[in-house]
Amino acid sequence: WLSTITALLSALSALGASDVKKVLAYSTINHLALMFLALGLG
């Protein structure tokens, strides 16, 4: 549940970010959420 919420929030935030590095920062949060999601799924 946490990783799903994080993945959606961070992806939408990356879509709106106006700073080059912030887009990449939100994308990192997004892909870390995928790693957590994988662990939560076994």
ModelCIF file with pLDDT and N, C-alpha, C, O atoms, coordinates in Angstrom:
data_MODEL
#
_entry.id   MODEL 
#
_entity.id                         1 
_entity.type                       polymer 
_entity.pdbx_number_of_molecules   1 
#
_entity_poly.entity_id                      1 
_entity_poly.type                           'polypeptide(L)' 
_entity_poly.nstd_linkage                   no 
_entity_poly.nstd_monomer                   no 
_entity_poly.pdbx_seq_one_letter_code       WLSTITALLSALSALGASDVKKVLAYSTINHLALMFLALGLG 
_entity_poly.pdbx_seq_one_letter_code_can   WLSTITALLSALSALGASDVKKVLAYSTINHLALMFLALGLG 
_entity_poly.pdbx_strand_id                 A 
#
loop_
_entity_poly_seq.entity_id 
_entity_poly_seq.num 
_entity_poly_seq.mon_id 
_entity_poly_seq.hetero 
1 1  TRP n 
1 2  LEU n 
1 3  SER n 
1 4  THR n 
1 5  ILE n 
1 6  THR n 
1 7  ALA n 
1 8  LEU n 
1 9  LEU n 
1 10 SER n 
1 11 ALA n 
1 12 LEU n 
1 13 SER n 
1 14 ALA n 
1 15 LEU n 
1 16 GLY n 
1 17 ALA n 
1 18 SER n 
1 19 ASP n 
1 20 VAL n 
1 21 LYS n 
1 22 LYS n 
1 23 VAL n 
1 24 LEU n 
1 25 ALA n 
1 26 TYR n 
1 27 SER n 
1 28 THR n 
1 29 ILE n 
1 30 ASN n 
1 31 HIS n 
1 32 LEU n 
1 33 ALA n 
1 34 LEU n 
1 35 MET n 
1 36 PHE n 
1 37 LEU n 
1 38 ALA n 
1 39 LEU n 
1 40 GLY n 
1 41 LEU n 
1 42 GLY n 
#
_struct_asym.id          A 
_struct_asym.entity_id   1 
#
loop_
_ma_qa_metric.id 
_ma_qa_metric.mode 
_ma_qa_metric.name 
_ma_qa_metric.software_group_id 
_ma_qa_metric.type 
1 global pLDDT . pLDDT 
2 local  pLDDT . pLDDT 
#
_ma_qa_metric_global.metric_id      1 
_ma_qa_metric_global.metric_value   95.29 
_ma_qa_metric_global.model_id       1 
_ma_qa_metric_global.ordinal_id     1 
#
loop_
_ma_qa_metric_local.label_asym_id 
_ma_qa_metric_local.label_comp_id 
_ma_qa_metric_local.label_seq_id 
_ma_qa_metric_local.metric_id 
_ma_qa_metric_local.metric_value 
_ma_qa_metric_local.model_id 
_ma_qa_metric_local.ordinal_id 
A TRP 1  2 96.00 1 1  
A LEU 2  2 97.00 1 2  
A SER 3  2 97.00 1 3  
A THR 4  2 97.00 1 4  
A ILE 5  2 96.00 1 5  
A THR 6  2 96.00 1 6  
A ALA 7  2 96.00 1 7  
A LEU 8  2 95.00 1 8  
A LEU 9  2 94.00 1 9  
A SER 10 2 94.00 1 10 
A ALA 11 2 95.00 1 11 
A LEU 12 2 93.00 1 12 
A SER 13 2 93.00 1 13 
A ALA 14 2 93.00 1 14 
A LEU 15 2 91.00 1 15 
A GLY 16 2 88.00 1 16 
A ALA 17 2 90.00 1 17 
A SER 18 2 89.00 1 18 
A ASP 19 2 92.00 1 19 
A VAL 20 2 94.00 1 20 
A LYS 21 2 95.00 1 21 
A LYS 22 2 94.00 1 22 
A VAL 23 2 95.00 1 23 
A LEU 24 2 96.00 1 24 
A ALA 25 2 95.00 1 25 
A TYR 26 2 96.00 1 26 
A SER 27 2 96.00 1 27 
A THR 28 2 97.00 1 28 
A ILE 29 2 97.00 1 29 
A ASN 30 2 97.00 1 30 
A HIS 31 2 97.00 1 31 
A LEU 32 2 98.00 1 32 
A ALA 33 2 97.00 1 33 
A LEU 34 2 98.00 1 34 
A MET 35 2 98.00 1 35 
A PHE 36 2 98.00 1 36 
A LEU 37 2 98.00 1 37 
A ALA 38 2 97.00 1 38 
A LEU 39 2 98.00 1 39 
A GLY 40 2 97.00 1 40 
A LEU 41 2 97.00 1 41 
A GLY 42 2 95.00 1 42 
#
loop_
_atom_site.group_PDB 
_atom_site.id 
_atom_site.type_symbol 
_atom_site.label_atom_id 
_atom_site.label_alt_id 
_atom_site.label_comp_id 
_atom_site.label_asym_id 
_atom_site.label_entity_id 
_atom_site.label_seq_id 
_atom_site.pdbx_PDB_ins_code 
_atom_site.Cartn_x 
_atom_site.Cartn_y 
_atom_site.Cartn_z 
_atom_site.occupancy 
_atom_site.B_iso_or_equiv 
_atom_site.pdbx_formal_charge 
_atom_site.auth_seq_id 
_atom_site.auth_comp_id 
_atom_site.auth_asym_id 
_atom_site.auth_atom_id 
_atom_site.pdbx_PDB_model_num 
ATOM 1   N N  . TRP A 1 1  ? 0.822  -1.216  0.000   1.00 96.00 ? 1  TRP A N  1 
ATOM 2   C CA . TRP A 1 1  ? 0.000  0.000   0.000   1.00 96.00 ? 1  TRP A CA 1 
ATOM 3   C C  . TRP A 1 1  ? 0.857  1.268   0.000   1.00 96.00 ? 1  TRP A C  1 
ATOM 4   O O  . TRP A 1 1  ? 0.585  2.200   -0.756  1.00 96.00 ? 1  TRP A O  1 
ATOM 5   N N  . LEU A 1 2  ? 1.891  1.303   0.846   1.00 97.00 ? 2  LEU A N  1 
ATOM 6   C CA . LEU A 1 2  ? 2.755  2.487   0.895   1.00 97.00 ? 2  LEU A CA 1 
ATOM 7   C C  . LEU A 1 2  ? 3.466  2.713   -0.436  1.00 97.00 ? 2  LEU A C  1 
ATOM 8   O O  . LEU A 1 2  ? 3.556  3.843   -0.915  1.00 97.00 ? 2  LEU A O  1 
ATOM 9   N N  . SER A 1 3  ? 3.969  1.633   -1.029  1.00 97.00 ? 3  SER A N  1 
ATOM 10  C CA . SER A 1 3  ? 4.695  1.770   -2.295  1.00 97.00 ? 3  SER A CA 1 
ATOM 11  C C  . SER A 1 3  ? 3.766  2.190   -3.430  1.00 97.00 ? 3  SER A C  1 
ATOM 12  O O  . SER A 1 3  ? 4.171  2.946   -4.314  1.00 97.00 ? 3  SER A O  1 
ATOM 13  N N  . THR A 1 4  ? 2.548  1.717   -3.414  1.00 97.00 ? 4  THR A N  1 
ATOM 14  C CA . THR A 1 4  ? 1.579  2.115   -4.444  1.00 97.00 ? 4  THR A CA 1 
ATOM 15  C C  . THR A 1 4  ? 1.263  3.607   -4.351  1.00 97.00 ? 4  THR A C  1 
ATOM 16  O O  . THR A 1 4  ? 1.261  4.317   -5.356  1.00 97.00 ? 4  THR A O  1 
ATOM 17  N N  . ILE A 1 5  ? 0.995  4.070   -3.133  1.00 96.00 ? 5  ILE A N  1 
ATOM 18  C CA . ILE A 1 5  ? 0.725  5.504   -2.931  1.00 96.00 ? 5  ILE A CA 1 
ATOM 19  C C  . ILE A 1 5  ? 1.931  6.329   -3.357  1.00 96.00 ? 5  ILE A C  1 
ATOM 20  O O  . ILE A 1 5  ? 1.790  7.348   -4.034  1.00 96.00 ? 5  ILE A O  1 
ATOM 21  N N  . THR A 1 6  ? 3.120  5.881   -2.956  1.00 96.00 ? 6  THR A N  1 
ATOM 22  C CA . THR A 1 6  ? 4.350  6.606   -3.299  1.00 96.00 ? 6  THR A CA 1 
ATOM 23  C C  . THR A 1 6  ? 4.564  6.665   -4.798  1.00 96.00 ? 6  THR A C  1 
ATOM 24  O O  . THR A 1 6  ? 4.913  7.714   -5.340  1.00 96.00 ? 6  THR A O  1 
ATOM 25  N N  . ALA A 1 7  ? 4.354  5.531   -5.477  1.00 96.00 ? 7  ALA A N  1 
ATOM 26  C CA . ALA A 1 7  ? 4.571  5.476   -6.924  1.00 96.00 ? 7  ALA A CA 1 
ATOM 27  C C  . ALA A 1 7  ? 3.662  6.459   -7.659  1.00 96.00 ? 7  ALA A C  1 
ATOM 28  O O  . ALA A 1 7  ? 4.104  7.140   -8.584  1.00 96.00 ? 7  ALA A O  1 
ATOM 29  N N  . LEU A 1 8  ? 2.414  6.534   -7.260  1.00 95.00 ? 8  LEU A N  1 
ATOM 30  C CA . LEU A 1 8  ? 1.463  7.426   -7.938  1.00 95.00 ? 8  LEU A CA 1 
ATOM 31  C C  . LEU A 1 8  ? 1.738  8.898   -7.620  1.00 95.00 ? 8  LEU A C  1 
ATOM 32  O O  . LEU A 1 8  ? 1.743  9.738   -8.519  1.00 95.00 ? 8  LEU A O  1 
ATOM 33  N N  . LEU A 1 9  ? 1.965  9.208   -6.344  1.00 94.00 ? 9  LEU A N  1 
ATOM 34  C CA . LEU A 1 9  ? 2.242  10.595  -5.943  1.00 94.00 ? 9  LEU A CA 1 
ATOM 35  C C  . LEU A 1 9  ? 3.515  11.123  -6.597  1.00 94.00 ? 9  LEU A C  1 
ATOM 36  O O  . LEU A 1 9  ? 3.535  12.237  -7.121  1.00 94.00 ? 9  LEU A O  1 
ATOM 37  N N  . SER A 1 10 ? 4.575  10.320  -6.564  1.00 94.00 ? 10 SER A N  1 
ATOM 38  C CA . SER A 1 10 ? 5.865  10.770  -7.096  1.00 94.00 ? 10 SER A CA 1 
ATOM 39  C C  . SER A 1 10 ? 5.830  10.935  -8.606  1.00 94.00 ? 10 SER A C  1 
ATOM 40  O O  . SER A 1 10 ? 6.443  11.860  -9.139  1.00 94.00 ? 10 SER A O  1 
ATOM 41  N N  . ALA A 1 11 ? 5.113  10.044  -9.313  1.00 95.00 ? 11 ALA A N  1 
ATOM 42  C CA . ALA A 1 11 ? 5.019  10.168  -10.774 1.00 95.00 ? 11 ALA A CA 1 
ATOM 43  C C  . ALA A 1 11 ? 4.275  11.443  -11.162 1.00 95.00 ? 11 ALA A C  1 
ATOM 44  O O  . ALA A 1 11 ? 4.693  12.155  -12.076 1.00 95.00 ? 11 ALA A O  1 
ATOM 45  N N  . LEU A 1 12 ? 3.178  11.729  -10.472 1.00 93.00 ? 12 LEU A N  1 
ATOM 46  C CA . LEU A 1 12 ? 2.422  12.953  -10.753 1.00 93.00 ? 12 LEU A CA 1 
ATOM 47  C C  . LEU A 1 12 ? 3.231  14.200  -10.401 1.00 93.00 ? 12 LEU A C  1 
ATOM 48  O O  . LEU A 1 12 ? 3.158  15.210  -11.102 1.00 93.00 ? 12 LEU A O  1 
ATOM 49  N N  . SER A 1 13 ? 3.996  14.128  -9.320  1.00 93.00 ? 13 SER A N  1 
ATOM 50  C CA . SER A 1 13 ? 4.845  15.263  -8.930  1.00 93.00 ? 13 SER A CA 1 
ATOM 51  C C  . SER A 1 13 ? 5.940  15.495  -9.959  1.00 93.00 ? 13 SER A C  1 
ATOM 52  O O  . SER A 1 13 ? 6.272  16.640  -10.266 1.00 93.00 ? 13 SER A O  1 
ATOM 53  N N  . ALA A 1 14 ? 6.506  14.410  -10.497 1.00 93.00 ? 14 ALA A N  1 
ATOM 54  C CA . ALA A 1 14 ? 7.536  14.538  -11.535 1.00 93.00 ? 14 ALA A CA 1 
ATOM 55  C C  . ALA A 1 14 ? 6.967  15.191  -12.788 1.00 93.00 ? 14 ALA A C  1 
ATOM 56  O O  . ALA A 1 14 ? 7.668  15.925  -13.484 1.00 93.00 ? 14 ALA A O  1 
ATOM 57  N N  . LEU A 1 15 ? 5.697  14.922  -13.071 1.00 91.00 ? 15 LEU A N  1 
ATOM 58  C CA . LEU A 1 15 ? 5.049  15.536  -14.235 1.00 91.00 ? 15 LEU A CA 1 
ATOM 59  C C  . LEU A 1 15 ? 4.895  17.042  -14.086 1.00 91.00 ? 15 LEU A C  1 
ATOM 60  O O  . LEU A 1 15 ? 4.858  17.763  -15.083 1.00 91.00 ? 15 LEU A O  1 
ATOM 61  N N  . GLY A 1 16 ? 4.806  17.523  -12.848 1.00 88.00 ? 16 GLY A N  1 
ATOM 62  C CA . GLY A 1 16 ? 4.598  18.953  -12.630 1.00 88.00 ? 16 GLY A CA 1 
ATOM 63  C C  . GLY A 1 16 ? 5.843  19.727  -12.265 1.00 88.00 ? 16 GLY A C  1 
ATOM 64  O O  . GLY A 1 16 ? 5.826  20.958  -12.285 1.00 88.00 ? 16 GLY A O  1 
ATOM 65  N N  . ALA A 1 17 ? 6.938  19.033  -11.926 1.00 90.00 ? 17 ALA A N  1 
ATOM 66  C CA . ALA A 1 17 ? 8.156  19.707  -11.447 1.00 90.00 ? 17 ALA A CA 1 
ATOM 67  C C  . ALA A 1 17 ? 8.773  20.577  -12.530 1.00 90.00 ? 17 ALA A C  1 
ATOM 68  O O  . ALA A 1 17 ? 8.838  20.182  -13.695 1.00 90.00 ? 17 ALA A O  1 
ATOM 69  N N  . SER A 1 18 ? 9.226  21.760  -12.142 1.00 89.00 ? 18 SER A N  1 
ATOM 70  C CA . SER A 1 18 ? 9.820  22.710  -13.088 1.00 89.00 ? 18 SER A CA 1 
ATOM 71  C C  . SER A 1 18 ? 11.333 22.814  -12.939 1.00 89.00 ? 18 SER A C  1 
ATOM 72  O O  . SER A 1 18 ? 11.963 23.657  -13.577 1.00 89.00 ? 18 SER A O  1 
ATOM 73  N N  . ASP A 1 19 ? 11.919 21.962  -12.101 1.00 92.00 ? 19 ASP A N  1 
ATOM 74  C CA . ASP A 1 19 ? 13.359 21.922  -11.854 1.00 92.00 ? 19 ASP A CA 1 
ATOM 75  C C  . ASP A 1 19 ? 13.888 20.599  -12.421 1.00 92.00 ? 19 ASP A C  1 
ATOM 76  O O  . ASP A 1 19 ? 13.347 19.533  -12.128 1.00 92.00 ? 19 ASP A O  1 
ATOM 77  N N  . VAL A 1 20 ? 14.948 20.675  -13.234 1.00 94.00 ? 20 VAL A N  1 
ATOM 78  C CA . VAL A 1 20 ? 15.505 19.476  -13.884 1.00 94.00 ? 20 VAL A CA 1 
ATOM 79  C C  . VAL A 1 20 ? 15.801 18.385  -12.866 1.00 94.00 ? 20 VAL A C  1 
ATOM 80  O O  . VAL A 1 20 ? 15.413 17.231  -13.049 1.00 94.00 ? 20 VAL A O  1 
ATOM 81  N N  . LYS A 1 21 ? 16.494 18.758  -11.789 1.00 95.00 ? 21 LYS A N  1 
ATOM 82  C CA . LYS A 1 21 ? 16.904 17.762  -10.798 1.00 95.00 ? 21 LYS A CA 1 
ATOM 83  C C  . LYS A 1 21 ? 15.730 17.257  -9.961  1.00 95.00 ? 21 LYS A C  1 
ATOM 84  O O  . LYS A 1 21 ? 15.741 16.116  -9.498  1.00 95.00 ? 21 LYS A O  1 
ATOM 85  N N  . LYS A 1 22 ? 14.718 18.104  -9.766  1.00 94.00 ? 22 LYS A N  1 
ATOM 86  C CA . LYS A 1 22 ? 13.550 17.654  -9.006  1.00 94.00 ? 22 LYS A CA 1 
ATOM 87  C C  . LYS A 1 22 ? 12.756 16.595  -9.767  1.00 94.00 ? 22 LYS A C  1 
ATOM 88  O O  . LYS A 1 22 ? 12.210 15.671  -9.163  1.00 94.00 ? 22 LYS A O  1 
ATOM 89  N N  . VAL A 1 23 ? 12.691 16.729  -11.091 1.00 95.00 ? 23 VAL A N  1 
ATOM 90  C CA . VAL A 1 23 ? 12.032 15.695  -11.892 1.00 95.00 ? 23 VAL A CA 1 
ATOM 91  C C  . VAL A 1 23 ? 12.736 14.355  -11.665 1.00 95.00 ? 23 VAL A C  1 
ATOM 92  O O  . VAL A 1 23 ? 12.087 13.328  -11.465 1.00 95.00 ? 23 VAL A O  1 
ATOM 93  N N  . LEU A 1 24 ? 14.067 14.380  -11.700 1.00 96.00 ? 24 LEU A N  1 
ATOM 94  C CA . LEU A 1 24 ? 14.830 13.146  -11.492 1.00 96.00 ? 24 LEU A CA 1 
ATOM 95  C C  . LEU A 1 24 ? 14.705 12.647  -10.054 1.00 96.00 ? 24 LEU A C  1 
ATOM 96  O O  . LEU A 1 24 ? 14.723 11.441  -9.808  1.00 96.00 ? 24 LEU A O  1 
ATOM 97  N N  . ALA A 1 25 ? 14.579 13.579  -9.102  1.00 95.00 ? 25 ALA A N  1 
ATOM 98  C CA . ALA A 1 25 ? 14.408 13.177  -7.702  1.00 95.00 ? 25 ALA A CA 1 
ATOM 99  C C  . ALA A 1 25 ? 13.080 12.451  -7.506  1.00 95.00 ? 25 ALA A C  1 
ATOM 100 O O  . ALA A 1 25 ? 13.026 11.403  -6.861  1.00 95.00 ? 25 ALA A O  1 
ATOM 101 N N  . TYR A 1 26 ? 12.008 13.016  -8.068  1.00 96.00 ? 26 TYR A N  1 
ATOM 102 C CA . TYR A 1 26 ? 10.706 12.350  -7.959  1.00 96.00 ? 26 TYR A CA 1 
ATOM 103 C C  . TYR A 1 26 ? 10.708 11.014  -8.699  1.00 96.00 ? 26 TYR A C  1 
ATOM 104 O O  . TYR A 1 26 ? 10.041 10.068  -8.281  1.00 96.00 ? 26 TYR A O  1 
ATOM 105 N N  . SER A 1 27 ? 11.461 10.939  -9.801  1.00 96.00 ? 27 SER A N  1 
ATOM 106 C CA . SER A 1 27 ? 11.523 9.666   -10.525 1.00 96.00 ? 27 SER A CA 1 
ATOM 107 C C  . SER A 1 27 ? 12.262 8.614   -9.705  1.00 96.00 ? 27 SER A C  1 
ATOM 108 O O  . SER A 1 27 ? 11.939 7.429   -9.784  1.00 96.00 ? 27 SER A O  1 
ATOM 109 N N  . THR A 1 28 ? 13.258 9.039   -8.910  1.00 97.00 ? 28 THR A N  1 
ATOM 110 C CA . THR A 1 28 ? 13.935 8.110   -8.012  1.00 97.00 ? 28 THR A CA 1 
ATOM 111 C C  . THR A 1 28 ? 12.959 7.561   -6.975  1.00 97.00 ? 28 THR A C  1 
ATOM 112 O O  . THR A 1 28 ? 12.913 6.356   -6.728  1.00 97.00 ? 28 THR A O  1 
ATOM 113 N N  . ILE A 1 29 ? 12.177 8.459   -6.369  1.00 97.00 ? 29 ILE A N  1 
ATOM 114 C CA . ILE A 1 29 ? 11.163 8.028   -5.399  1.00 97.00 ? 29 ILE A CA 1 
ATOM 115 C C  . ILE A 1 29 ? 10.216 7.033   -6.057  1.00 97.00 ? 29 ILE A C  1 
ATOM 116 O O  . ILE A 1 29 ? 9.828  6.035   -5.449  1.00 97.00 ? 29 ILE A O  1 
ATOM 117 N N  . ASN A 1 30 ? 9.846  7.314   -7.310  1.00 97.00 ? 30 ASN A N  1 
ATOM 118 C CA . ASN A 1 30 ? 8.938  6.465   -8.064  1.00 97.00 ? 30 ASN A CA 1 
ATOM 119 C C  . ASN A 1 30 ? 9.513  5.053   -8.250  1.00 97.00 ? 30 ASN A C  1 
ATOM 120 O O  . ASN A 1 30 ? 8.807  4.064   -8.053  1.00 97.00 ? 30 ASN A O  1 
ATOM 121 N N  . HIS A 1 31 ? 10.768 4.965   -8.621  1.00 97.00 ? 31 HIS A N  1 
ATOM 122 C CA . HIS A 1 31 ? 11.368 3.646   -8.884  1.00 97.00 ? 31 HIS A CA 1 
ATOM 123 C C  . HIS A 1 31 ? 11.768 2.919   -7.596  1.00 97.00 ? 31 HIS A C  1 
ATOM 124 O O  . HIS A 1 31 ? 11.778 1.689   -7.556  1.00 97.00 ? 31 HIS A O  1 
ATOM 125 N N  . LEU A 1 32 ? 12.094 3.668   -6.561  1.00 98.00 ? 32 LEU A N  1 
ATOM 126 C CA . LEU A 1 32 ? 12.280 3.030   -5.259  1.00 98.00 ? 32 LEU A CA 1 
ATOM 127 C C  . LEU A 1 32 ? 10.972 2.394   -4.798  1.00 98.00 ? 32 LEU A C  1 
ATOM 128 O O  . LEU A 1 32 ? 10.968 1.326   -4.187  1.00 98.00 ? 32 LEU A O  1 
ATOM 129 N N  . ALA A 1 33 ? 9.859  3.071   -5.101  1.00 97.00 ? 33 ALA A N  1 
ATOM 130 C CA . ALA A 1 33 ? 8.545  2.514   -4.758  1.00 97.00 ? 33 ALA A CA 1 
ATOM 131 C C  . ALA A 1 33 ? 8.303  1.193   -5.481  1.00 97.00 ? 33 ALA A C  1 
ATOM 132 O O  . ALA A 1 33 ? 7.688  0.283   -4.925  1.00 97.00 ? 33 ALA A O  1 
ATOM 133 N N  . LEU A 1 34 ? 8.786  1.084   -6.720  1.00 98.00 ? 34 LEU A N  1 
ATOM 134 C CA . LEU A 1 34 ? 8.659  -0.176  -7.453  1.00 98.00 ? 34 LEU A CA 1 
ATOM 135 C C  . LEU A 1 34 ? 9.474  -1.289  -6.788  1.00 98.00 ? 34 LEU A C  1 
ATOM 136 O O  . LEU A 1 34 ? 9.045  -2.442  -6.749  1.00 98.00 ? 34 LEU A O  1 
ATOM 137 N N  . MET A 1 35 ? 10.646 -0.937  -6.270  1.00 98.00 ? 35 MET A N  1 
ATOM 138 C CA . MET A 1 35 ? 11.460 -1.927  -5.552  1.00 98.00 ? 35 MET A CA 1 
ATOM 139 C C  . MET A 1 35 ? 10.752 -2.381  -4.280  1.00 98.00 ? 35 MET A C  1 
ATOM 140 O O  . MET A 1 35 ? 10.714 -3.574  -3.977  1.00 98.00 ? 35 MET A O  1 
ATOM 141 N N  . PHE A 1 36 ? 10.195 -1.435  -3.541  1.00 98.00 ? 36 PHE A N  1 
ATOM 142 C CA . PHE A 1 36 ? 9.432  -1.779  -2.339  1.00 98.00 ? 36 PHE A CA 1 
ATOM 143 C C  . PHE A 1 36 ? 8.201  -2.610  -2.703  1.00 98.00 ? 36 PHE A C  1 
ATOM 144 O O  . PHE A 1 36 ? 7.852  -3.559  -2.001  1.00 98.00 ? 36 PHE A O  1 
ATOM 145 N N  . LEU A 1 37 ? 7.554  -2.246  -3.802  1.00 98.00 ? 37 LEU A N  1 
ATOM 146 C CA . LEU A 1 37 ? 6.385  -2.999  -4.254  1.00 98.00 ? 37 LEU A CA 1 
ATOM 147 C C  . LEU A 1 37 ? 6.762  -4.451  -4.536  1.00 98.00 ? 37 LEU A C  1 
ATOM 148 O O  . LEU A 1 37 ? 6.045  -5.373  -4.148  1.00 98.00 ? 37 LEU A O  1 
ATOM 149 N N  . ALA A 1 38 ? 7.891  -4.644  -5.212  1.00 97.00 ? 38 ALA A N  1 
ATOM 150 C CA . ALA A 1 38 ? 8.360  -6.008  -5.504  1.00 97.00 ? 38 ALA A CA 1 
ATOM 151 C C  . ALA A 1 38 ? 8.592  -6.791  -4.219  1.00 97.00 ? 38 ALA A C  1 
ATOM 152 O O  . ALA A 1 38 ? 8.223  -7.962  -4.126  1.00 97.00 ? 38 ALA A O  1 
ATOM 153 N N  . LEU A 1 39 ? 9.206  -6.143  -3.221  1.00 98.00 ? 39 LEU A N  1 
ATOM 154 C CA . LEU A 1 39 ? 9.448  -6.818  -1.945  1.00 98.00 ? 39 LEU A CA 1 
ATOM 155 C C  . LEU A 1 39 ? 8.136  -7.142  -1.240  1.00 98.00 ? 39 LEU A C  1 
ATOM 156 O O  . LEU A 1 39 ? 7.997  -8.211  -0.645  1.00 98.00 ? 39 LEU A O  1 
ATOM 157 N N  . GLY A 1 40 ? 7.174  -6.224  -1.304  1.00 97.00 ? 40 GLY A N  1 
ATOM 158 C CA . GLY A 1 40 ? 5.876  -6.472  -0.690  1.00 97.00 ? 40 GLY A CA 1 
ATOM 159 C C  . GLY A 1 40 ? 5.119  -7.602  -1.362  1.00 97.00 ? 40 GLY A C  1 
ATOM 160 O O  . GLY A 1 40 ? 4.312  -8.283  -0.729  1.00 97.00 ? 40 GLY A O  1 
ATOM 161 N N  . LEU A 1 41 ? 5.385  -7.800  -2.661  1.00 97.00 ? 41 LEU A N  1 
ATOM 162 C CA . LEU A 1 41 ? 4.725  -8.860  -3.416  1.00 97.00 ? 41 LEU A CA 1 
ATOM 163 C C  . LEU A 1 41 ? 5.436  -10.203 -3.297  1.00 97.00 ? 41 LEU A C  1 
ATOM 164 O O  . LEU A 1 41 ? 4.949  -11.218 -3.793  1.00 97.00 ? 41 LEU A O  1 
ATOM 165 N N  . GLY A 1 42 ? 6.594  -10.200 -2.633  1.00 95.00 ? 42 GLY A N  1 
ATOM 166 C CA . GLY A 1 42 ? 7.361  -11.436 -2.496  1.00 95.00 ? 42 GLY A CA 1 
ATOM 167 C C  . GLY A 1 42 ? 8.359  -11.668 -3.608  1.00 95.00 ? 42 GLY A C  1 
ATOM 168 O O  . GLY A 1 42 ? 9.065  -12.676 -3.604  1.00 95.00 ? 42 GLY A O  1 
#
